[in-house]
Amino acid sequence: MGASFFTTISHGNTIGEAFDEAVRRAQYDHGHSGYTGTIAEKPGYYEFTFESLDRALEVHRLYNEWSDEMTEAERRDAVGAELWDRITEVCEQKWDPCAAIKIDDNTWVFFGYASC
């Protein structure tokens, strides 16, 4: 089986509640049988923290932007090698936790690869 990249925004009083809600929503929308390519396949999350929301959104955008405008090496340099490598380690493993970034007090974005 393969893997599919997903990004999901979810709300909750805690990151755990937001993750659980995102999983429930994905299971409702895509079924409970597995291999959906969604957050429903993820066993958990790894939260990345940033000095500002702007920086968090910039890192998310650079990680998700697979265009001809920037090479992966250029995106890695823009994000920072250590952080890029850690996000890649978390996100590119379809059976491991997804990445999570806090957007505001009750909102998180979850992203990564999931089995499909």
C-alpha atoms as a PDB file:
ATOM      1  CA  MET A   1       0.000   0.000   0.000  1.00  0.00           C
ATOM      2  CA  GLY A   2       1.008   3.600  -0.532  1.00  0.00           C
ATOM      3  CA  ALA A   3       0.837   6.832   1.383  1.00  0.00           C
ATOM      4  CA  SER A   4      -1.025  10.062   0.839  1.00  0.00           C
ATOM      5  CA  PHE A   5      -0.260  13.511   2.232  1.00  0.00           C
ATOM      6  CA  PHE A   6      -3.001  15.147   4.311  1.00  0.00           C
ATOM      7  CA  THR A   7      -3.544  18.430   6.120  1.00  0.00           C
ATOM      8  CA  THR A   8      -6.412  18.750   8.603  1.00  0.00           C
ATOM      9  CA  ILE A   9      -7.468  21.704  10.739  1.00  0.00           C
ATOM     10  CA  SER A  10      -9.370  20.834  13.910  1.00  0.00           C
ATOM     11  CA  HIS A  11     -10.671  22.520  17.051  1.00  0.00           C
ATOM     12  CA  GLY A  12     -10.740  21.457  20.702  1.00  0.00           C
ATOM     13  CA  ASN A  13     -10.031  22.672  24.210  1.00  0.00           C
ATOM     14  CA  THR A  14      -6.779  20.676  24.085  1.00  0.00           C
ATOM     15  CA  ILE A  15      -4.617  19.288  21.313  1.00  0.00           C
ATOM     16  CA  GLY A  16      -5.813  15.799  22.273  1.00  0.00           C
ATOM     17  CA  GLU A  17      -9.457  16.796  21.856  1.00  0.00           C
ATOM     18  CA  ALA A  18      -8.674  18.436  18.507  1.00  0.00           C
ATOM     19  CA  PHE A  19      -6.829  15.315  17.302  1.00  0.00           C
ATOM     20  CA  ASP A  20      -9.636  12.992  18.426  1.00  0.00           C
ATOM     21  CA  GLU A  21     -12.221  15.199  16.687  1.00  0.00           C
ATOM     22  CA  ALA A  22     -10.186  15.214  13.467  1.00  0.00           C
ATOM     23  CA  VAL A  23      -9.901  11.408  13.554  1.00  0.00           C
ATOM     24  CA  ARG A  24     -13.661  11.013  14.192  1.00  0.00           C
ATOM     25  CA  ARG A  25     -14.465  13.396  11.348  1.00  0.00           C
ATOM     26  CA  ALA A  26     -12.117  11.576   8.947  1.00  0.00           C
ATOM     27  CA  GLN A  27     -13.600   8.201   9.899  1.00  0.00           C
ATOM     28  CA  TYR A  28     -17.100   9.553   9.320  1.00  0.00           C
ATOM     29  CA  ASP A  29     -16.151  11.079   5.964  1.00  0.00           C
ATOM     30  CA  HIS A  30     -13.905   8.254   4.674  1.00  0.00           C
ATOM     31  CA  GLY A  31     -14.974   5.131   6.560  1.00  0.00           C
ATOM     32  CA  HIS A  32     -13.505   2.978   9.307  1.00  0.00           C
ATOM     33  CA  SER A  33     -11.894   0.275   7.185  1.00  0.00           C
ATOM     34  CA  GLY A  34      -8.381   1.732   7.073  1.00  0.00           C
ATOM     35  CA  TYR A  35      -6.128   2.888   4.258  1.00  0.00           C
ATOM     36  CA  THR A  36      -8.025   6.170   3.841  1.00  0.00           C
ATOM     37  CA  GLY A  37      -4.975   8.402   3.433  1.00  0.00           C
ATOM     38  CA  THR A  38      -6.314  10.639   6.192  1.00  0.00           C
ATOM     39  CA  ILE A  39      -5.598  11.463   9.816  1.00  0.00           C
ATOM     40  CA  ALA A  40      -7.843   8.495  10.685  1.00  0.00           C
ATOM     41  CA  GLU A  41      -4.822   6.242  10.090  1.00  0.00           C
ATOM     42  CA  LYS A  42      -2.526   8.086  12.500  1.00  0.00           C
ATOM     43  CA  PRO A  43      -1.864   6.730  16.012  1.00  0.00           C
ATOM     44  CA  GLY A  44      -1.169  10.183  17.449  1.00  0.00           C
ATOM     45  CA  TYR A  45       0.617  13.465  16.873  1.00  0.00           C
ATOM     46  CA  TYR A  46       3.862  15.288  17.567  1.00  0.00           C
ATOM     47  CA  GLU A  47       3.413  18.992  18.302  1.00  0.00           C
ATOM     48  CA  PHE A  48       5.929  21.452  16.894  1.00  0.00           C
ATOM     49  CA  THR A  49       6.123  24.854  18.576  1.00  0.00           C
ATOM     50  CA  PHE A  50       7.286  28.108  17.024  1.00  0.00           C
ATOM     51  CA  GLU A  51       8.159  31.595  18.192  1.00  0.00           C
ATOM     52  CA  SER A  52       5.195  33.041  16.278  1.00  0.00           C
ATOM     53  CA  LEU A  53       2.112  31.994  14.345  1.00  0.00           C
ATOM     54  CA  ASP A  54       3.567  33.577  11.201  1.00  0.00           C
ATOM     55  CA  ARG A  55       6.653  31.355  11.483  1.00  0.00           C
ATOM     56  CA  ALA A  56       4.497  28.258  12.108  1.00  0.00           C
ATOM     57  CA  LEU A  57       2.368  28.938   9.035  1.00  0.00           C
ATOM     58  CA  GLU A  58       5.449  29.676   6.928  1.00  0.00           C
ATOM     59  CA  VAL A  59       7.044  26.354   7.915  1.00  0.00           C
ATOM     60  CA  HIS A  60       3.773  24.512   7.172  1.00  0.00           C
ATOM     61  CA  ARG A  61       3.508  26.245   3.786  1.00  0.00           C
ATOM     62  CA  LEU A  62       7.104  25.443   2.860  1.00  0.00           C
ATOM     63  CA  TYR A  63       6.706  21.805   3.886  1.00  0.00           C
ATOM     64  CA  ASN A  64       3.502  21.436   1.842  1.00  0.00           C
ATOM     65  CA  GLU A  65       4.643  23.432  -1.194  1.00  0.00           C
ATOM     66  CA  TRP A  66       5.922  21.029  -3.807  1.00  0.00           C
ATOM     67  CA  SER A  67       6.339  23.497  -6.656  1.00  0.00           C
ATOM     68  CA  ASP A  68       9.024  24.097  -9.222  1.00  0.00           C
ATOM     69  CA  GLU A  69       9.782  27.460  -7.614  1.00  0.00           C
ATOM     70  CA  MET A  70      11.851  26.000  -4.755  1.00  0.00           C
ATOM     71  CA  THR A  71      13.857  22.836  -4.491  1.00  0.00           C
ATOM     72  CA  GLU A  72      13.655  20.703  -1.371  1.00  0.00           C
ATOM     73  CA  ALA A  73      17.144  21.896  -0.447  1.00  0.00           C
ATOM     74  CA  GLU A  74      15.985  25.537  -0.662  1.00  0.00           C
ATOM     75  CA  ARG A  75      12.928  24.793   1.505  1.00  0.00           C
ATOM     76  CA  ARG A  76      15.170  22.949   3.991  1.00  0.00           C
ATOM     77  CA  ASP A  77      17.452  25.989   4.188  1.00  0.00           C
ATOM     78  CA  ALA A  78      14.480  28.346   4.666  1.00  0.00           C
ATOM     79  CA  VAL A  79      12.996  26.239   7.477  1.00  0.00           C
ATOM     80  CA  GLY A  80      16.298  25.306   9.095  1.00  0.00           C
ATOM     81  CA  ALA A  81      17.994  21.957   8.591  1.00  0.00           C
ATOM     82  CA  GLU A  82      17.376  20.539  12.079  1.00  0.00           C
ATOM     83  CA  LEU A  83      13.681  21.452  12.144  1.00  0.00           C
ATOM     84  CA  TRP A  84      13.145  20.313   8.534  1.00  0.00           C
ATOM     85  CA  ASP A  85      14.756  16.960   9.280  1.00  0.00           C
ATOM     86  CA  ARG A  86      12.600  16.463  12.404  1.00  0.00           C
ATOM     87  CA  ILE A  87       9.369  17.370  10.603  1.00  0.00           C
ATOM     88  CA  THR A  88      10.316  15.097   7.710  1.00  0.00           C
ATOM     89  CA  GLU A  89      11.104  12.282  10.139  1.00  0.00           C
ATOM     90  CA  VAL A  90       7.651  12.623  11.721  1.00  0.00           C
ATOM     91  CA  CYS A  91       5.573  13.409   8.634  1.00  0.00           C
ATOM     92  CA  GLU A  92       6.904  11.025   6.043  1.00  0.00           C
ATOM     93  CA  GLN A  93       6.317   7.849   8.035  1.00  0.00           C
ATOM     94  CA  LYS A  94       2.788   6.690   7.236  1.00  0.00           C
ATOM     95  CA  TRP A  95       2.413   4.622  10.406  1.00  0.00           C
ATOM     96  CA  ASP A  96       3.971   7.126  12.824  1.00  0.00           C
ATOM     97  CA  PRO A  97       2.370  10.185  14.465  1.00  0.00           C
ATOM     98  CA  CYS A  98       1.462  13.180  12.349  1.00  0.00           C
ATOM     99  CA  ALA A  99       2.858  16.674  12.884  1.00  0.00           C
ATOM    100  CA  ALA A 100       0.753  19.261  14.726  1.00  0.00           C
ATOM    101  CA  ILE A 101       1.019  23.045  14.897  1.00  0.00           C
ATOM    102  CA  LYS A 102      -1.064  25.234  17.200  1.00  0.00           C
ATOM    103  CA  ILE A 103      -2.846  27.994  15.279  1.00  0.00           C
ATOM    104  CA  ASP A 104      -4.702  29.608  18.175  1.00  0.00           C
ATOM    105  CA  ASP A 105      -6.005  28.660  21.623  1.00  0.00           C
ATOM    106  CA  ASN A 106      -8.441  26.059  20.280  1.00  0.00           C
ATOM    107  CA  THR A 107      -7.195  25.296  16.755  1.00  0.00           C
ATOM    108  CA  TRP A 108      -4.446  23.019  15.451  1.00  0.00           C
ATOM    109  CA  VAL A 109      -3.328  21.964  12.012  1.00  0.00           C
ATOM    110  CA  PHE A 110      -2.300  18.316  11.680  1.00  0.00           C
ATOM    111  CA  PHE A 111      -0.342  17.062   8.672  1.00  0.00           C
ATOM    112  CA  GLY A 112       1.734  14.208   7.389  1.00  0.00           C
ATOM    113  CA  TYR A 113       1.530  11.039   5.320  1.00  0.00           C
ATOM    114  CA  ALA A 114      -1.053   8.346   5.989  1.00  0.00           C
ATOM    115  CA  SER A 115      -1.536   4.898   4.540  1.00  0.00           C
ATOM    116  CA  CYS A 116      -3.857   4.609   1.566  1.00  0.00           C
END
